[in-house]
Amino acid sequence: MIRTQWWQNGAVQTGGQEQISQWQSQGGTIWIDLEGEPEAQEKAFLTGLGCHILAVQDAQRTRHPPKFEDFDTNTFVIYRGFSQFDEDISVRHVQVSFFIGATYLITRRNGTSIGVESLWNAPEDLERYLNTPAILFTRIVNQSLGQYIKRMLELEDNISRMEDEMLDDPTDQLMQRFVSYRSRLRKLNRVFSYHEKVFAAIMKESTAVLDMSDAAIYHSVQDVYDKCERLDSLGTLFYEQCGDLIEGYISLTSHQLNKTMQALTVITAIFVPLGLLSGIYGMNFENMPELHSRYGYYILLSVMATVAVTLLVFFRRRRWL
């Protein structure tokens, strides 16, 4: 699918591939969005528009890390957005490749992009930003990063609820969720770290298209970078928080196990002397003095009861029970 948004003389027209030839002959700026095109045709189409063959190959790779590269006629950026972000951090990423020229923006994606769709369906924003492809690029990324931040802040509430559950009733299922969150956050943090490095490099290495001496472009890129930095710090914070919760869960369960072992030890300590006494008087030797005593059985029971009560009082005073 190839669709276009063409800005000319202050007006935006939506169309398809036929608008590209009109833009080339009549001027203006254009946003070309590609999804699901056959690779061979897509490669010929993009190189025909002046995109470098190596950048096209990177864009067509299924899983390429975010990157930034400057060419003679355009700037190439790979951004990793998402089409799904559930509360269990089940994220379905969408790779969006940007070819940013002076009079055009080309987006190539392998799925539905929140950033692309939010700008594509906003006529007022298109009229405002389409005449400057560099700023349009930052607005698309900004929309996606805003959704990332929204999901991450919702995740903070989920982790807080899980922490309360752990304090009330730590279970194995809760432990599995902590481990799952931590594992998925590690993968997500890698994406956030890439994005932060990419936009830090863009701010340092001003290009003809992304000119940091232009105040509007600078502030737009700075805004994107700030969001990337915030996401990176949030991801790291939640990753460490999940690690702390896992350690807290292990400490709680270890404490519970220690309490159980302590109770069992106390019970054992009480019954060992009682077992000793009953064992001694269970030996039916002929010459045992107490064996034929009329009150020997009751005396032994009294001694055993006294020993048990004494040990219970001792353990209570030591706060072992």
C-alpha atoms as a PDB file:
ATOM      1  CA  MET A   1       0.000   0.000   0.000  1.00  0.00           C
ATOM      2  CA  ILE A   2       1.271   3.435  -0.958  1.00  0.00           C
ATOM      3  CA  ARG A   3      -0.618   6.484   0.229  1.00  0.00           C
ATOM      4  CA  THR A   4       0.339  10.144   0.190  1.00  0.00           C
ATOM      5  CA  GLN A   5      -0.382  13.512   1.782  1.00  0.00           C
ATOM      6  CA  TRP A   6       0.610  16.361  -0.533  1.00  0.00           C
ATOM      7  CA  TRP A   7       0.963  19.919   0.716  1.00  0.00           C
ATOM      8  CA  GLN A   8       0.884  22.707  -1.860  1.00  0.00           C
ATOM      9  CA  ASN A   9      -0.065  26.376  -1.534  1.00  0.00           C
ATOM     10  CA  GLY A  10      -1.265  25.901   2.048  1.00  0.00           C
ATOM     11  CA  ALA A  11      -3.627  23.021   1.258  1.00  0.00           C
ATOM     12  CA  VAL A  12      -3.231  19.291   1.920  1.00  0.00           C
ATOM     13  CA  GLN A  13      -4.486  16.660  -0.504  1.00  0.00           C
ATOM     14  CA  THR A  14      -4.760  12.967   0.321  1.00  0.00           C
ATOM     15  CA  GLY A  15      -4.097  10.452  -2.436  1.00  0.00           C
ATOM     16  CA  GLY A  16      -2.008   7.553  -3.629  1.00  0.00           C
ATOM     17  CA  GLN A  17       0.978   6.898  -5.843  1.00  0.00           C
ATOM     18  CA  GLU A  18      -0.436   9.098  -8.621  1.00  0.00           C
ATOM     19  CA  GLN A  19       0.246  12.198  -6.514  1.00  0.00           C
ATOM     20  CA  ILE A  20       3.991  11.579  -6.531  1.00  0.00           C
ATOM     21  CA  SER A  21       4.395  12.576 -10.175  1.00  0.00           C
ATOM     22  CA  GLN A  22       2.248  15.667  -9.531  1.00  0.00           C
ATOM     23  CA  TRP A  23       4.457  16.630  -6.602  1.00  0.00           C
ATOM     24  CA  GLN A  24       7.602  16.124  -8.696  1.00  0.00           C
ATOM     25  CA  SER A  25       6.289  18.376 -11.458  1.00  0.00           C
ATOM     26  CA  GLN A  26       4.399  20.996  -9.426  1.00  0.00           C
ATOM     27  CA  GLY A  27       6.429  21.205  -6.232  1.00  0.00           C
ATOM     28  CA  GLY A  28       5.324  21.458  -2.629  1.00  0.00           C
ATOM     29  CA  THR A  29       6.077  18.857   0.051  1.00  0.00           C
ATOM     30  CA  ILE A  30       4.794  15.308   0.282  1.00  0.00           C
ATOM     31  CA  TRP A  31       4.467  12.556   2.844  1.00  0.00           C
ATOM     32  CA  ILE A  32       4.659   9.078   1.318  1.00  0.00           C
ATOM     33  CA  ASP A  33       3.622   6.173   3.545  1.00  0.00           C
ATOM     34  CA  LEU A  34       4.442   2.578   2.572  1.00  0.00           C
ATOM     35  CA  GLU A  35       3.268  -0.675   4.117  1.00  0.00           C
ATOM     36  CA  GLY A  36       3.167  -4.233   2.802  1.00  0.00           C
ATOM     37  CA  GLU A  37       4.748  -3.557  -0.597  1.00  0.00           C
ATOM     38  CA  PRO A  38       6.720  -6.386  -2.300  1.00  0.00           C
ATOM     39  CA  GLU A  39      10.381  -5.923  -1.402  1.00  0.00           C
ATOM     40  CA  ALA A  40      11.717  -5.792  -4.954  1.00  0.00           C
ATOM     41  CA  GLN A  41       9.165  -3.197  -6.076  1.00  0.00           C
ATOM     42  CA  GLU A  42       9.617  -1.247  -2.855  1.00  0.00           C
ATOM     43  CA  LYS A  43      13.396  -1.185  -3.283  1.00  0.00           C
ATOM     44  CA  ALA A  44      13.097   0.108  -6.867  1.00  0.00           C
ATOM     45  CA  PHE A  45      10.522   2.702  -5.779  1.00  0.00           C
ATOM     46  CA  LEU A  46      12.613   4.055  -2.897  1.00  0.00           C
ATOM     47  CA  THR A  47      15.903   4.156  -4.774  1.00  0.00           C
ATOM     48  CA  GLY A  48      14.072   5.931  -7.587  1.00  0.00           C
ATOM     49  CA  LEU A  49      13.158   8.667  -5.106  1.00  0.00           C
ATOM     50  CA  GLY A  50      16.814   9.113  -4.117  1.00  0.00           C
ATOM     51  CA  CYS A  51      16.982   6.828  -1.061  1.00  0.00           C
ATOM     52  CA  HIS A  52      20.339   5.144  -0.599  1.00  0.00           C
ATOM     53  CA  ILE A  53      20.326   1.421  -1.385  1.00  0.00           C
ATOM     54  CA  LEU A  54      22.008   0.539   1.946  1.00  0.00           C
ATOM     55  CA  ALA A  55      19.387   2.488   3.874  1.00  0.00           C
ATOM     56  CA  VAL A  56      16.628   0.716   1.936  1.00  0.00           C
ATOM     57  CA  GLN A  57      18.147  -2.644   2.794  1.00  0.00           C
ATOM     58  CA  ASP A  58      18.260  -1.683   6.486  1.00  0.00           C
ATOM     59  CA  ALA A  59      14.641  -0.553   6.335  1.00  0.00           C
ATOM     60  CA  GLN A  60      13.558  -3.874   4.849  1.00  0.00           C
ATOM     61  CA  ARG A  61      15.237  -5.937   7.523  1.00  0.00           C
ATOM     62  CA  THR A  62      12.625  -7.395   9.854  1.00  0.00           C
ATOM     63  CA  ARG A  63      14.480  -6.596  13.075  1.00  0.00           C
ATOM     64  CA  HIS A  64      16.969  -3.783  12.796  1.00  0.00           C
ATOM     65  CA  PRO A  65      17.926  -1.766  15.884  1.00  0.00           C
ATOM     66  CA  PRO A  66      17.025   1.941  15.849  1.00  0.00           C
ATOM     67  CA  LYS A  67      19.646   3.973  14.023  1.00  0.00           C
ATOM     68  CA  PHE A  68      20.394   7.323  12.424  1.00  0.00           C
ATOM     69  CA  GLU A  69      22.393   7.946   9.242  1.00  0.00           C
ATOM     70  CA  ASP A  70      22.891  11.015   7.107  1.00  0.00           C
ATOM     71  CA  PHE A  71      23.118  10.913   3.301  1.00  0.00           C
ATOM     72  CA  ASP A  72      23.580  13.565   0.636  1.00  0.00           C
ATOM     73  CA  THR A  73      19.903  14.121  -0.138  1.00  0.00           C
ATOM     74  CA  ASN A  74      18.130  12.841   2.965  1.00  0.00           C
ATOM     75  CA  THR A  75      18.445  11.646   6.540  1.00  0.00           C
ATOM     76  CA  PHE A  76      17.570   8.076   7.417  1.00  0.00           C
ATOM     77  CA  VAL A  77      16.173   7.068  10.832  1.00  0.00           C
ATOM     78  CA  ILE A  78      14.858   3.733  12.074  1.00  0.00           C
ATOM     79  CA  TYR A  79      12.418   3.991  14.976  1.00  0.00           C
ATOM     80  CA  ARG A  80      10.780   1.126  16.871  1.00  0.00           C
ATOM     81  CA  GLY A  81       7.210   1.950  17.835  1.00  0.00           C
ATOM     82  CA  PHE A  82       4.434  -0.378  18.917  1.00  0.00           C
ATOM     83  CA  SER A  83       0.943  -1.469  17.926  1.00  0.00           C
ATOM     84  CA  GLN A  84       0.182  -3.291  21.192  1.00  0.00           C
ATOM     85  CA  PHE A  85       1.278  -2.670  24.771  1.00  0.00           C
ATOM     86  CA  ASP A  86      -0.677  -4.681  27.348  1.00  0.00           C
ATOM     87  CA  GLU A  87      -0.549  -4.268  31.117  1.00  0.00           C
ATOM     88  CA  ASP A  88       1.593  -7.408  31.371  1.00  0.00           C
ATOM     89  CA  ILE A  89       4.198  -5.661  29.143  1.00  0.00           C
ATOM     90  CA  SER A  90       3.321  -7.819  26.172  1.00  0.00           C
ATOM     91  CA  VAL A  91       4.561  -5.445  23.455  1.00  0.00           C
ATOM     92  CA  ARG A  92       4.147  -5.878  19.711  1.00  0.00           C
ATOM     93  CA  HIS A  93       6.746  -3.641  18.101  1.00  0.00           C
ATOM     94  CA  VAL A  94       6.411  -1.918  14.746  1.00  0.00           C
ATOM     95  CA  GLN A  95       9.540  -0.834  12.915  1.00  0.00           C
ATOM     96  CA  VAL A  96       9.137   2.521  11.168  1.00  0.00           C
ATOM     97  CA  SER A  97      11.848   3.765   8.806  1.00  0.00           C
ATOM     98  CA  PHE A  98      11.991   7.470   7.952  1.00  0.00           C
ATOM     99  CA  PHE A  99      13.602   8.992   4.869  1.00  0.00           C
ATOM    100  CA  ILE A 100      13.577  12.728   5.568  1.00  0.00           C
ATOM    101  CA  GLY A 101      14.287  15.073   2.680  1.00  0.00           C
ATOM    102  CA  ALA A 102      13.940  18.804   2.222  1.00  0.00           C
ATOM    103  CA  THR A 103      10.592  18.456   0.423  1.00  0.00           C
ATOM    104  CA  TYR A 104       9.470  14.978   1.346  1.00  0.00           C
ATOM    105  CA  LEU A 105       9.029  12.502   4.172  1.00  0.00           C
ATOM    106  CA  ILE A 106       8.853   8.792   3.422  1.00  0.00           C
ATOM    107  CA  THR A 107       7.682   6.383   6.121  1.00  0.00           C
ATOM    108  CA  ARG A 108       8.160   2.676   5.601  1.00  0.00           C
ATOM    109  CA  ARG A 109       6.622   0.397   8.258  1.00  0.00           C
ATOM    110  CA  ASN A 110       5.878  -3.277   8.817  1.00  0.00           C
ATOM    111  CA  GLY A 111       2.615  -2.811  10.715  1.00  0.00           C
ATOM    112  CA  THR A 112       0.177  -0.267  12.085  1.00  0.00           C
ATOM    113  CA  SER A 113       2.053   2.628  13.662  1.00  0.00           C
ATOM    114  CA  ILE A 114       0.336   4.703  16.352  1.00  0.00           C
ATOM    115  CA  GLY A 115       2.473   7.745  15.531  1.00  0.00           C
ATOM    116  CA  VAL A 116       1.841   7.553  11.790  1.00  0.00           C
ATOM    117  CA  GLU A 117      -1.904   7.019  12.142  1.00  0.00           C
ATOM    118  CA  SER A 118      -2.367   9.780  14.719  1.00  0.00           C
ATOM    119  CA  LEU A 119      -0.791  12.377  12.374  1.00  0.00           C
ATOM    120  CA  TRP A 120      -2.309  10.942   9.194  1.00  0.00           C
ATOM    121  CA  ASN A 121      -5.812  11.397  10.576  1.00  0.00           C
ATOM    122  CA  ALA A 122      -5.231  14.894  11.975  1.00  0.00           C
ATOM    123  CA  PRO A 123      -5.873  17.449   9.163  1.00  0.00           C
ATOM    124  CA  GLU A 124      -5.009  20.457  11.318  1.00  0.00           C
ATOM    125  CA  ASP A 125      -1.625  19.020  12.292  1.00  0.00           C
ATOM    126  CA  LEU A 126      -0.894  18.053   8.682  1.00  0.00           C
ATOM    127  CA  GLU A 127      -1.555  21.595   7.481  1.00  0.00           C
ATOM    128  CA  ARG A 128       0.716  22.871  10.227  1.00  0.00           C
ATOM    129  CA  TYR A 129       3.656  20.472   9.919  1.00  0.00           C
ATOM    130  CA  LEU A 130       3.624  18.925   6.443  1.00  0.00           C
ATOM    131  CA  ASN A 131       5.409  21.854   4.830  1.00  0.00           C
ATOM    132  CA  THR A 132       8.447  21.060   7.025  1.00  0.00           C
ATOM    133  CA  PRO A 133       9.169  17.305   6.747  1.00  0.00           C
ATOM    134  CA  ALA A 134      11.805  17.413   9.520  1.00  0.00           C
ATOM    135  CA  ILE A 135       9.265  18.703  12.038  1.00  0.00           C
ATOM    136  CA  LEU A 136       6.598  16.298  10.766  1.00  0.00           C
ATOM    137  CA  PHE A 137       9.041  13.474  11.437  1.00  0.00           C
ATOM    138  CA  THR A 138       9.554  14.622  15.037  1.00  0.00           C
ATOM    139  CA  ARG A 139       5.797  14.957  15.557  1.00  0.00           C
ATOM    140  CA  ILE A 140       5.171  11.393  14.394  1.00  0.00           C
ATOM    141  CA  VAL A 141       7.833  10.038  16.750  1.00  0.00           C
ATOM    142  CA  ASN A 142       6.556  12.322  19.509  1.00  0.00           C
ATOM    143  CA  GLN A 143       3.054  10.870  19.266  1.00  0.00           C
ATOM    144  CA  SER A 144       4.401   7.340  19.566  1.00  0.00           C
ATOM    145  CA  LEU A 145       6.662   8.222  22.493  1.00  0.00           C
ATOM    146  CA  GLY A 146       3.727   9.898  24.240  1.00  0.00           C
ATOM    147  CA  GLN A 147       1.824   6.604  24.059  1.00  0.00           C
ATOM    148  CA  TYR A 148       4.892   4.755  25.344  1.00  0.00           C
ATOM    149  CA  ILE A 149       5.007   7.095  28.362  1.00  0.00           C
ATOM    150  CA  LYS A 150       1.283   6.669  28.981  1.00  0.00           C
ATOM    151  CA  ARG A 151       1.624   2.866  29.048  1.00  0.00           C
ATOM    152  CA  MET A 152       4.700   3.049  31.287  1.00  0.00           C
ATOM    153  CA  LEU A 153       2.910   5.267  33.823  1.00  0.00           C
ATOM    154  CA  GLU A 154       0.008   2.796  33.864  1.00  0.00           C
ATOM    155  CA  LEU A 155       2.588   0.092  34.481  1.00  0.00           C
ATOM    156  CA  GLU A 156       3.759   1.984  37.570  1.00  0.00           C
ATOM    157  CA  ASP A 157       0.266   1.606  39.078  1.00  0.00           C
ATOM    158  CA  ASN A 158       0.242  -2.134  38.286  1.00  0.00           C
ATOM    159  CA  ILE A 159       3.601  -2.648  39.986  1.00  0.00           C
ATOM    160  CA  SER A 160       2.365  -0.742  43.055  1.00  0.00           C
ATOM    161  CA  ARG A 161      -0.724  -2.968  43.266  1.00  0.00           C
ATOM    162  CA  MET A 162       1.461  -6.059  42.911  1.00  0.00           C
ATOM    163  CA  GLU A 163       3.654  -4.799  45.744  1.00  0.00           C
ATOM    164  CA  ASP A 164       0.601  -4.451  48.000  1.00  0.00           C
ATOM    165  CA  GLU A 165      -0.510  -7.978  47.051  1.00  0.00           C
ATOM    166  CA  MET A 166       2.927  -9.293  47.910  1.00  0.00           C
ATOM    167  CA  LEU A 167       2.805  -7.747  51.396  1.00  0.00           C
ATOM    168  CA  ASP A 168      -0.692  -9.139  52.019  1.00  0.00           C
ATOM    169  CA  ASP A 169      -0.386 -12.589  50.457  1.00  0.00           C
ATOM    170  CA  PRO A 170       2.830 -13.558  48.640  1.00  0.00           C
ATOM    171  CA  THR A 171       2.129 -16.368  46.172  1.00  0.00           C
ATOM    172  CA  ASP A 172       4.091 -18.253  43.534  1.00  0.00           C
ATOM    173  CA  GLN A 173       1.880 -16.732  40.805  1.00  0.00           C
ATOM    174  CA  LEU A 174       2.848 -13.242  41.979  1.00  0.00           C
ATOM    175  CA  MET A 175       6.519 -14.226  41.888  1.00  0.00           C
ATOM    176  CA  GLN A 176       6.091 -15.424  38.294  1.00  0.00           C
ATOM    177  CA  ARG A 177       4.581 -12.062  37.344  1.00  0.00           C
ATOM    178  CA  PHE A 178       7.535 -10.203  38.878  1.00  0.00           C
ATOM    179  CA  VAL A 179      10.006 -12.350  36.957  1.00  0.00           C
ATOM    180  CA  SER A 180       7.981 -11.923  33.734  1.00  0.00           C
ATOM    181  CA  TYR A 181       7.806  -8.127  34.182  1.00  0.00           C
ATOM    182  CA  ARG A 182      11.533  -7.911  34.832  1.00  0.00           C
ATOM    183  CA  SER A 183      12.405  -9.995  31.778  1.00  0.00           C
ATOM    184  CA  ARG A 184      10.155  -7.966  29.457  1.00  0.00           C
ATOM    185  CA  LEU A 185      11.335  -4.666  30.906  1.00  0.00           C
ATOM    186  CA  ARG A 186      14.926  -5.672  30.122  1.00  0.00           C
ATOM    187  CA  LYS A 187      13.991  -6.075  26.442  1.00  0.00           C
ATOM    188  CA  LEU A 188      11.993  -2.845  26.442  1.00  0.00           C
ATOM    189  CA  ASN A 189      14.855  -0.940  28.056  1.00  0.00           C
ATOM    190  CA  ARG A 190      17.117  -1.983  25.191  1.00  0.00           C
ATOM    191  CA  VAL A 191      14.730  -0.254  22.748  1.00  0.00           C
ATOM    192  CA  PHE A 192      14.499   2.868  24.925  1.00  0.00           C
ATOM    193  CA  SER A 193      18.279   3.035  25.212  1.00  0.00           C
ATOM    194  CA  TYR A 194      18.660   2.804  21.420  1.00  0.00           C
ATOM    195  CA  HIS A 195      16.152   5.638  20.929  1.00  0.00           C
ATOM    196  CA  GLU A 196      17.922   7.878  23.421  1.00  0.00           C
ATOM    197  CA  LYS A 197      21.275   7.318  21.690  1.00  0.00           C
ATOM    198  CA  VAL A 198      19.783   7.905  18.227  1.00  0.00           C
ATOM    199  CA  PHE A 199      18.253  11.272  19.084  1.00  0.00           C
ATOM    200  CA  ALA A 200      21.284  12.327  21.094  1.00  0.00           C
ATOM    201  CA  ALA A 201      23.343  11.684  17.956  1.00  0.00           C
ATOM    202  CA  ILE A 202      20.861  13.652  15.825  1.00  0.00           C
ATOM    203  CA  MET A 203      21.167  16.656  18.150  1.00  0.00           C
ATOM    204  CA  LYS A 204      24.967  16.515  18.016  1.00  0.00           C
ATOM    205  CA  GLU A 205      25.323  15.838  14.295  1.00  0.00           C
ATOM    206  CA  SER A 206      23.231  18.523  12.630  1.00  0.00           C
ATOM    207  CA  THR A 207      22.385  17.713   9.009  1.00  0.00           C
ATOM    208  CA  ALA A 208      21.055  19.737   6.089  1.00  0.00           C
ATOM    209  CA  VAL A 209      17.574  18.345   6.746  1.00  0.00           C
ATOM    210  CA  LEU A 210      17.667  18.152  10.551  1.00  0.00           C
ATOM    211  CA  ASP A 211      19.386  21.502  11.039  1.00  0.00           C
ATOM    212  CA  MET A 212      19.874  22.186  14.749  1.00  0.00           C
ATOM    213  CA  SER A 213      20.530  25.850  14.021  1.00  0.00           C
ATOM    214  CA  ASP A 214      16.846  26.125  13.065  1.00  0.00           C
ATOM    215  CA  ALA A 215      15.093  26.913  16.357  1.00  0.00           C
ATOM    216  CA  ALA A 216      11.831  25.136  15.442  1.00  0.00           C
ATOM    217  CA  ILE A 217      13.598  21.934  14.401  1.00  0.00           C
ATOM    218  CA  TYR A 218      15.941  22.081  17.391  1.00  0.00           C
ATOM    219  CA  HIS A 219      13.102  22.377  19.904  1.00  0.00           C
ATOM    220  CA  SER A 220      11.141  19.584  18.180  1.00  0.00           C
ATOM    221  CA  VAL A 221      14.109  17.218  18.283  1.00  0.00           C
ATOM    222  CA  GLN A 222      14.884  18.290  21.860  1.00  0.00           C
ATOM    223  CA  ASP A 223      11.314  17.425  22.866  1.00  0.00           C
ATOM    224  CA  VAL A 224      11.675  13.968  21.311  1.00  0.00           C
ATOM    225  CA  TYR A 225      15.020  13.442  23.036  1.00  0.00           C
ATOM    226  CA  ASP A 226      13.555  14.447  26.414  1.00  0.00           C
ATOM    227  CA  LYS A 227      10.812  11.849  26.029  1.00  0.00           C
ATOM    228  CA  CYS A 228      13.359   9.192  25.050  1.00  0.00           C
ATOM    229  CA  GLU A 229      15.444  10.054  28.092  1.00  0.00           C
ATOM    230  CA  ARG A 230      12.406   9.884  30.347  1.00  0.00           C
ATOM    231  CA  LEU A 231      11.372   6.506  28.958  1.00  0.00           C
ATOM    232  CA  ASP A 232      14.868   5.164  29.448  1.00  0.00           C
ATOM    233  CA  SER A 233      14.906   6.309  33.076  1.00  0.00           C
ATOM    234  CA  LEU A 234      11.371   4.968  33.703  1.00  0.00           C
ATOM    235  CA  GLY A 235      12.260   1.599  32.191  1.00  0.00           C
ATOM    236  CA  THR A 236      15.410   1.366  34.315  1.00  0.00           C
ATOM    237  CA  LEU A 237      13.483   2.412  37.440  1.00  0.00           C
ATOM    238  CA  PHE A 238      10.743  -0.200  36.943  1.00  0.00           C
ATOM    239  CA  TYR A 239      13.299  -2.881  36.096  1.00  0.00           C
ATOM    240  CA  GLU A 240      15.150  -2.219  39.346  1.00  0.00           C
ATOM    241  CA  GLN A 241      11.863  -1.994  41.240  1.00  0.00           C
ATOM    242  CA  CYS A 242      10.808  -5.430  39.982  1.00  0.00           C
ATOM    243  CA  GLY A 243      14.223  -6.753  41.022  1.00  0.00           C
ATOM    244  CA  ASP A 244      13.710  -5.293  44.521  1.00  0.00           C
ATOM    245  CA  LEU A 245      10.235  -6.859  44.712  1.00  0.00           C
ATOM    246  CA  ILE A 246      11.636 -10.250  43.734  1.00  0.00           C
ATOM    247  CA  GLU A 247      14.224  -9.956  46.504  1.00  0.00           C
ATOM    248  CA  GLY A 248      11.489  -8.797  48.886  1.00  0.00           C
ATOM    249  CA  TYR A 249       9.336 -11.784  47.970  1.00  0.00           C
ATOM    250  CA  ILE A 250      12.253 -14.153  48.594  1.00  0.00           C
ATOM    251  CA  SER A 251      12.903 -12.470  51.960  1.00  0.00           C
ATOM    252  CA  LEU A 252       9.236 -12.781  52.980  1.00  0.00           C
ATOM    253  CA  THR A 253       9.007 -16.443  52.021  1.00  0.00           C
ATOM    254  CA  SER A 254      12.335 -17.144  53.765  1.00  0.00           C
ATOM    255  CA  HIS A 255      11.030 -15.405  56.884  1.00  0.00           C
ATOM    256  CA  GLN A 256       7.825 -17.465  56.774  1.00  0.00           C
ATOM    257  CA  LEU A 257       9.883 -20.620  56.361  1.00  0.00           C
ATOM    258  CA  ASN A 258      12.064 -19.623  59.323  1.00  0.00           C
ATOM    259  CA  LYS A 259       8.958 -19.066  61.471  1.00  0.00           C
ATOM    260  CA  THR A 260       7.638 -22.494  60.495  1.00  0.00           C
ATOM    261  CA  MET A 261      10.980 -24.133  61.265  1.00  0.00           C
ATOM    262  CA  GLN A 262      11.105 -22.296  64.582  1.00  0.00           C
ATOM    263  CA  ALA A 263       7.671 -23.638  65.569  1.00  0.00           C
ATOM    264  CA  LEU A 264       8.696 -27.157  64.581  1.00  0.00           C
ATOM    265  CA  THR A 265      11.925 -26.796  66.577  1.00  0.00           C
ATOM    266  CA  VAL A 266      10.006 -25.699  69.676  1.00  0.00           C
ATOM    267  CA  ILE A 267       7.642 -28.656  69.359  1.00  0.00           C
ATOM    268  CA  THR A 268      10.597 -30.991  68.956  1.00  0.00           C
ATOM    269  CA  ALA A 269      12.377 -29.428  71.946  1.00  0.00           C
ATOM    270  CA  ILE A 270       9.293 -30.012  74.137  1.00  0.00           C
ATOM    271  CA  PHE A 271       8.707 -33.608  73.111  1.00  0.00           C
ATOM    272  CA  VAL A 272      12.351 -34.771  73.233  1.00  0.00           C
ATOM    273  CA  PRO A 273      12.561 -34.821  77.089  1.00  0.00           C
ATOM    274  CA  LEU A 274       9.065 -36.289  77.265  1.00  0.00           C
ATOM    275  CA  GLY A 275      10.093 -39.020  74.846  1.00  0.00           C
ATOM    276  CA  LEU A 276      13.236 -39.620  76.922  1.00  0.00           C
ATOM    277  CA  LEU A 277      11.245 -40.096  80.134  1.00  0.00           C
ATOM    278  CA  SER A 278       8.692 -42.370  78.499  1.00  0.00           C
ATOM    279  CA  GLY A 279      11.536 -44.329  76.883  1.00  0.00           C
ATOM    280  CA  ILE A 280      13.320 -44.842  80.192  1.00  0.00           C
ATOM    281  CA  TYR A 281      10.240 -46.054  82.005  1.00  0.00           C
ATOM    282  CA  GLY A 282       9.250 -48.149  79.051  1.00  0.00           C
ATOM    283  CA  MET A 283      12.221 -50.422  79.759  1.00  0.00           C
ATOM    284  CA  ASN A 284      10.735 -53.200  81.876  1.00  0.00           C
ATOM    285  CA  PHE A 285      13.826 -54.221  83.827  1.00  0.00           C
ATOM    286  CA  GLU A 286      13.181 -56.338  86.891  1.00  0.00           C
ATOM    287  CA  ASN A 287      15.080 -54.127  89.335  1.00  0.00           C
ATOM    288  CA  MET A 288      13.658 -50.702  88.407  1.00  0.00           C
ATOM    289  CA  PRO A 289      12.695 -49.125  91.796  1.00  0.00           C
ATOM    290  CA  GLU A 290       9.723 -47.209  90.479  1.00  0.00           C
ATOM    291  CA  LEU A 291       8.316 -50.079  88.435  1.00  0.00           C
ATOM    292  CA  HIS A 292       6.180 -51.439  91.284  1.00  0.00           C
ATOM    293  CA  SER A 293       5.406 -48.074  92.854  1.00  0.00           C
ATOM    294  CA  ARG A 294       1.676 -47.570  93.339  1.00  0.00           C
ATOM    295  CA  TYR A 295       1.804 -43.911  92.316  1.00  0.00           C
ATOM    296  CA  GLY A 296       4.761 -44.101  89.894  1.00  0.00           C
ATOM    297  CA  TYR A 297       2.605 -43.679  86.765  1.00  0.00           C
ATOM    298  CA  TYR A 298       0.977 -40.512  88.108  1.00  0.00           C
ATOM    299  CA  ILE A 299       4.280 -39.135  89.347  1.00  0.00           C
ATOM    300  CA  LEU A 300       5.850 -39.632  85.907  1.00  0.00           C
ATOM    301  CA  LEU A 301       2.913 -37.943  84.162  1.00  0.00           C
ATOM    302  CA  SER A 302       3.249 -35.016  86.575  1.00  0.00           C
ATOM    303  CA  VAL A 303       6.972 -34.732  85.907  1.00  0.00           C
ATOM    304  CA  MET A 304       6.353 -34.836  82.148  1.00  0.00           C
ATOM    305  CA  ALA A 305       3.631 -32.164  82.414  1.00  0.00           C
ATOM    306  CA  THR A 306       5.925 -29.983  84.546  1.00  0.00           C
ATOM    307  CA  VAL A 307       8.759 -30.306  82.026  1.00  0.00           C
ATOM    308  CA  ALA A 308       6.405 -29.428  79.117  1.00  0.00           C
ATOM    309  CA  VAL A 309       4.920 -26.400  80.897  1.00  0.00           C
ATOM    310  CA  THR A 310       8.362 -25.181  81.998  1.00  0.00           C
ATOM    311  CA  LEU A 311       9.681 -25.358  78.448  1.00  0.00           C
ATOM    312  CA  LEU A 312       6.578 -23.584  77.086  1.00  0.00           C
ATOM    313  CA  VAL A 313       6.999 -20.752  79.601  1.00  0.00           C
ATOM    314  CA  PHE A 314      10.708 -20.539  78.771  1.00  0.00           C
ATOM    315  CA  PHE A 315      10.061 -20.323  75.022  1.00  0.00           C
ATOM    316  CA  ARG A 316       7.304 -17.739  75.501  1.00  0.00           C
ATOM    317  CA  ARG A 317       9.600 -15.531  77.548  1.00  0.00           C
ATOM    318  CA  ARG A 318      12.263 -15.812  74.870  1.00  0.00           C
ATOM    319  CA  ARG A 319       9.557 -14.934  72.298  1.00  0.00           C
ATOM    320  CA  TRP A 320      10.154 -18.076  70.327  1.00  0.00           C
ATOM    321  CA  LEU A 321       6.426 -18.768  70.336  1.00  0.00           C
END
